Amino acid sequence: MSARLFSLCSEYDGLPGAEVVYSANPDLLRRMGRDHHAAATHKPDLRLLDPEGKTVATMDTWATDWTEMGA
């Protein structure tokens, strides 16, 4: 059985590419992203992707919580 994994992508200004964390639990990725964003001195742009690669939610440099796509 293969897991259907969600992706948390972190993109930082001035750095090439994105850092990506995978999990079958999207709520865990949301908490990790929000906690990291709140604690970081250099805030990343975050995207939560579903297993098909579609963006579910975003958090930009200035955000304090997730913005849901389709909301």
N, C-alpha and C. Protein backbone atom coordinates (compact mmCIF):
# COMPACT_ATOMS: atom_id res chain seq x y z
N MET A 1 0.85 -1.17 0.00
CA MET A 1 0.00 0.00 0.00
C MET A 1 0.89 1.24 0.00
N SER A 2 0.62 2.19 -0.89
CA SER A 2 1.41 3.41 -0.93
C SER A 2 0.62 4.55 -0.30
N ALA A 3 1.32 5.37 0.46
CA ALA A 3 0.69 6.51 1.12
C ALA A 3 0.48 7.64 0.13
N ARG A 4 -0.61 8.33 0.31
CA ARG A 4 -0.87 9.54 -0.48
C ARG A 4 -0.37 10.71 0.36
N LEU A 5 0.72 11.30 -0.09
CA LEU A 5 1.41 12.29 0.73
C LEU A 5 1.07 13.73 0.34
N PHE A 6 0.85 14.55 1.35
CA PHE A 6 0.71 15.98 1.19
C PHE A 6 2.11 16.58 1.28
N SER A 7 2.28 17.80 0.76
CA SER A 7 3.59 18.46 0.76
C SER A 7 3.49 19.84 1.38
N LEU A 8 4.47 20.18 2.20
CA LEU A 8 4.61 21.53 2.73
C LEU A 8 5.87 22.11 2.09
N CYS A 9 5.70 23.13 1.26
CA CYS A 9 6.81 23.75 0.54
C CYS A 9 7.15 25.09 1.18
N SER A 10 8.41 25.29 1.52
CA SER A 10 8.90 26.55 2.10
C SER A 10 9.85 27.19 1.11
N GLU A 11 9.57 28.45 0.76
CA GLU A 11 10.42 29.19 -0.17
C GLU A 11 10.91 30.45 0.51
N TYR A 12 12.22 30.65 0.51
CA TYR A 12 12.84 31.80 1.16
C TYR A 12 13.42 32.73 0.11
N ASP A 13 13.23 34.05 0.30
CA ASP A 13 13.84 35.04 -0.60
C ASP A 13 15.34 34.86 -0.60
N GLY A 14 15.92 34.90 -1.77
CA GLY A 14 17.37 34.81 -1.89
C GLY A 14 17.92 33.41 -1.95
N LEU A 15 17.08 32.40 -1.74
CA LEU A 15 17.55 31.01 -1.82
C LEU A 15 16.89 30.31 -3.00
N PRO A 16 17.67 29.55 -3.76
CA PRO A 16 17.09 28.84 -4.91
C PRO A 16 16.25 27.64 -4.47
N GLY A 17 15.17 27.40 -5.18
CA GLY A 17 14.36 26.22 -4.91
C GLY A 17 13.58 26.30 -3.63
N ALA A 18 12.88 25.23 -3.35
CA ALA A 18 12.03 25.15 -2.16
C ALA A 18 12.47 23.98 -1.29
N GLU A 19 12.26 24.13 0.01
CA GLU A 19 12.43 23.03 0.95
C GLU A 19 11.07 22.36 1.06
N VAL A 20 11.02 21.03 1.04
CA VAL A 20 9.74 20.32 1.04
C VAL A 20 9.73 19.25 2.13
N VAL A 21 8.61 19.18 2.86
CA VAL A 21 8.36 18.16 3.87
C VAL A 21 7.10 17.42 3.45
N TYR A 22 7.10 16.09 3.55
CA TYR A 22 5.97 15.27 3.14
C TYR A 22 5.34 14.57 4.33
N SER A 23 4.01 14.43 4.29
CA SER A 23 3.31 13.67 5.32
C SER A 23 1.94 13.25 4.78
N ALA A 24 1.43 12.15 5.30
CA ALA A 24 0.07 11.73 4.97
C ALA A 24 -0.95 12.53 5.78
N ASN A 25 -0.47 13.29 6.77
CA ASN A 25 -1.34 14.06 7.67
C ASN A 25 -1.23 15.56 7.36
N PRO A 26 -2.20 16.13 6.63
CA PRO A 26 -2.12 17.55 6.29
C PRO A 26 -2.22 18.47 7.51
N ASP A 27 -2.92 18.04 8.55
CA ASP A 27 -3.03 18.87 9.76
C ASP A 27 -1.67 19.02 10.43
N LEU A 28 -0.87 17.98 10.43
CA LEU A 28 0.47 18.04 10.99
C LEU A 28 1.32 19.05 10.21
N LEU A 29 1.23 19.00 8.87
CA LEU A 29 2.00 19.94 8.05
C LEU A 29 1.54 21.37 8.29
N ARG A 30 0.25 21.58 8.45
CA ARG A 30 -0.26 22.93 8.75
C ARG A 30 0.32 23.46 10.06
N ARG A 31 0.31 22.61 11.10
CA ARG A 31 0.86 23.03 12.39
C ARG A 31 2.36 23.31 12.30
N MET A 32 3.08 22.43 11.63
CA MET A 32 4.52 22.62 11.46
C MET A 32 4.81 23.92 10.73
N GLY A 33 4.08 24.17 9.65
CA GLY A 33 4.28 25.38 8.88
C GLY A 33 3.97 26.63 9.67
N ARG A 34 2.84 26.63 10.37
CA ARG A 34 2.43 27.80 11.17
C ARG A 34 3.44 28.05 12.30
N ASP A 35 3.86 26.99 12.99
CA ASP A 35 4.82 27.14 14.09
C ASP A 35 6.17 27.64 13.59
N HIS A 36 6.64 27.07 12.49
CA HIS A 36 7.93 27.51 11.94
C HIS A 36 7.84 28.96 11.49
N HIS A 37 6.75 29.32 10.82
CA HIS A 37 6.57 30.67 10.33
C HIS A 37 6.58 31.67 11.49
N ALA A 38 5.90 31.33 12.58
CA ALA A 38 5.82 32.22 13.74
C ALA A 38 7.18 32.39 14.41
N ALA A 39 8.00 31.35 14.43
CA ALA A 39 9.29 31.39 15.12
C ALA A 39 10.44 31.90 14.25
N ALA A 40 10.29 31.86 12.95
CA ALA A 40 11.39 32.19 12.04
C ALA A 40 11.70 33.68 12.04
N THR A 41 12.98 34.02 12.01
CA THR A 41 13.38 35.42 11.86
C THR A 41 13.37 35.81 10.39
N HIS A 42 13.62 34.87 9.51
CA HIS A 42 13.55 35.06 8.05
C HIS A 42 12.34 34.25 7.58
N LYS A 43 11.20 34.90 7.43
CA LYS A 43 9.92 34.21 7.17
C LYS A 43 9.83 33.70 5.74
N PRO A 44 9.45 32.45 5.55
CA PRO A 44 9.29 31.90 4.21
C PRO A 44 7.87 32.10 3.68
N ASP A 45 7.71 31.93 2.38
CA ASP A 45 6.39 31.76 1.78
C ASP A 45 6.12 30.26 1.84
N LEU A 46 4.93 29.87 2.31
CA LEU A 46 4.58 28.46 2.45
C LEU A 46 3.42 28.09 1.55
N ARG A 47 3.46 26.85 1.05
CA ARG A 47 2.35 26.28 0.28
C ARG A 47 2.09 24.87 0.78
N LEU A 48 0.83 24.54 0.99
CA LEU A 48 0.42 23.18 1.32
C LEU A 48 -0.22 22.59 0.07
N LEU A 49 0.34 21.48 -0.40
CA LEU A 49 -0.14 20.83 -1.62
C LEU A 49 -0.80 19.50 -1.29
N ASP A 50 -1.88 19.18 -2.01
CA ASP A 50 -2.51 17.88 -1.84
C ASP A 50 -1.71 16.82 -2.59
N PRO A 51 -2.05 15.54 -2.47
CA PRO A 51 -1.27 14.48 -3.12
C PRO A 51 -1.20 14.59 -4.65
N GLU A 52 -2.13 15.32 -5.26
CA GLU A 52 -2.09 15.51 -6.71
C GLU A 52 -1.26 16.73 -7.11
N GLY A 53 -0.75 17.48 -6.13
CA GLY A 53 0.06 18.65 -6.42
C GLY A 53 -0.72 19.96 -6.48
N LYS A 54 -1.99 19.93 -6.15
CA LYS A 54 -2.83 21.12 -6.17
C LYS A 54 -2.63 21.89 -4.86
N THR A 55 -2.50 23.23 -4.95
CA THR A 55 -2.32 24.05 -3.76
C THR A 55 -3.61 24.10 -2.96
N VAL A 56 -3.53 23.73 -1.69
CA VAL A 56 -4.67 23.71 -0.78
C VAL A 56 -4.72 25.00 0.04
N ALA A 57 -3.54 25.48 0.50
CA ALA A 57 -3.47 26.67 1.33
C ALA A 57 -2.09 27.31 1.16
N THR A 58 -2.03 28.61 1.44
CA THR A 58 -0.77 29.35 1.35
C THR A 58 -0.60 30.23 2.58
N MET A 59 0.65 30.61 2.82
CA MET A 59 0.97 31.58 3.87
C MET A 59 2.17 32.38 3.36
N ASP A 60 1.97 33.69 3.14
CA ASP A 60 3.08 34.48 2.64
C ASP A 60 3.91 35.04 3.80
N THR A 61 4.90 35.81 3.47
CA THR A 61 5.83 36.36 4.45
C THR A 61 5.13 37.14 5.55
N TRP A 62 4.06 37.84 5.23
CA TRP A 62 3.39 38.73 6.17
C TRP A 62 2.21 38.08 6.89
N ALA A 63 1.83 36.88 6.51
CA ALA A 63 0.64 36.22 7.07
C ALA A 63 0.88 35.74 8.49
N THR A 64 -0.23 35.56 9.21
CA THR A 64 -0.16 34.99 10.56
C THR A 64 -0.89 33.64 10.61
N ASP A 65 -1.60 33.29 9.52
CA ASP A 65 -2.29 32.00 9.45
C ASP A 65 -2.46 31.64 7.99
N TRP A 66 -2.91 30.43 7.76
CA TRP A 66 -3.12 29.92 6.40
C TRP A 66 -4.25 30.63 5.68
N THR A 67 -4.08 30.84 4.37
CA THR A 67 -5.14 31.31 3.50
C THR A 67 -5.56 30.11 2.66
N GLU A 68 -6.81 29.72 2.80
CA GLU A 68 -7.33 28.54 2.08
C GLU A 68 -7.63 28.91 0.63
N MET A 69 -7.24 28.04 -0.28
CA MET A 69 -7.58 28.22 -1.68
C MET A 69 -9.03 27.83 -1.85
N GLY A 70 -9.78 28.60 -2.58
CA GLY A 70 -11.19 28.29 -2.77
C GLY A 70 -12.07 28.82 -1.66
N ALA A 71 -11.47 29.56 -0.72
CA ALA A 71 -12.26 30.15 0.37
C ALA A 71 -12.53 31.61 0.08
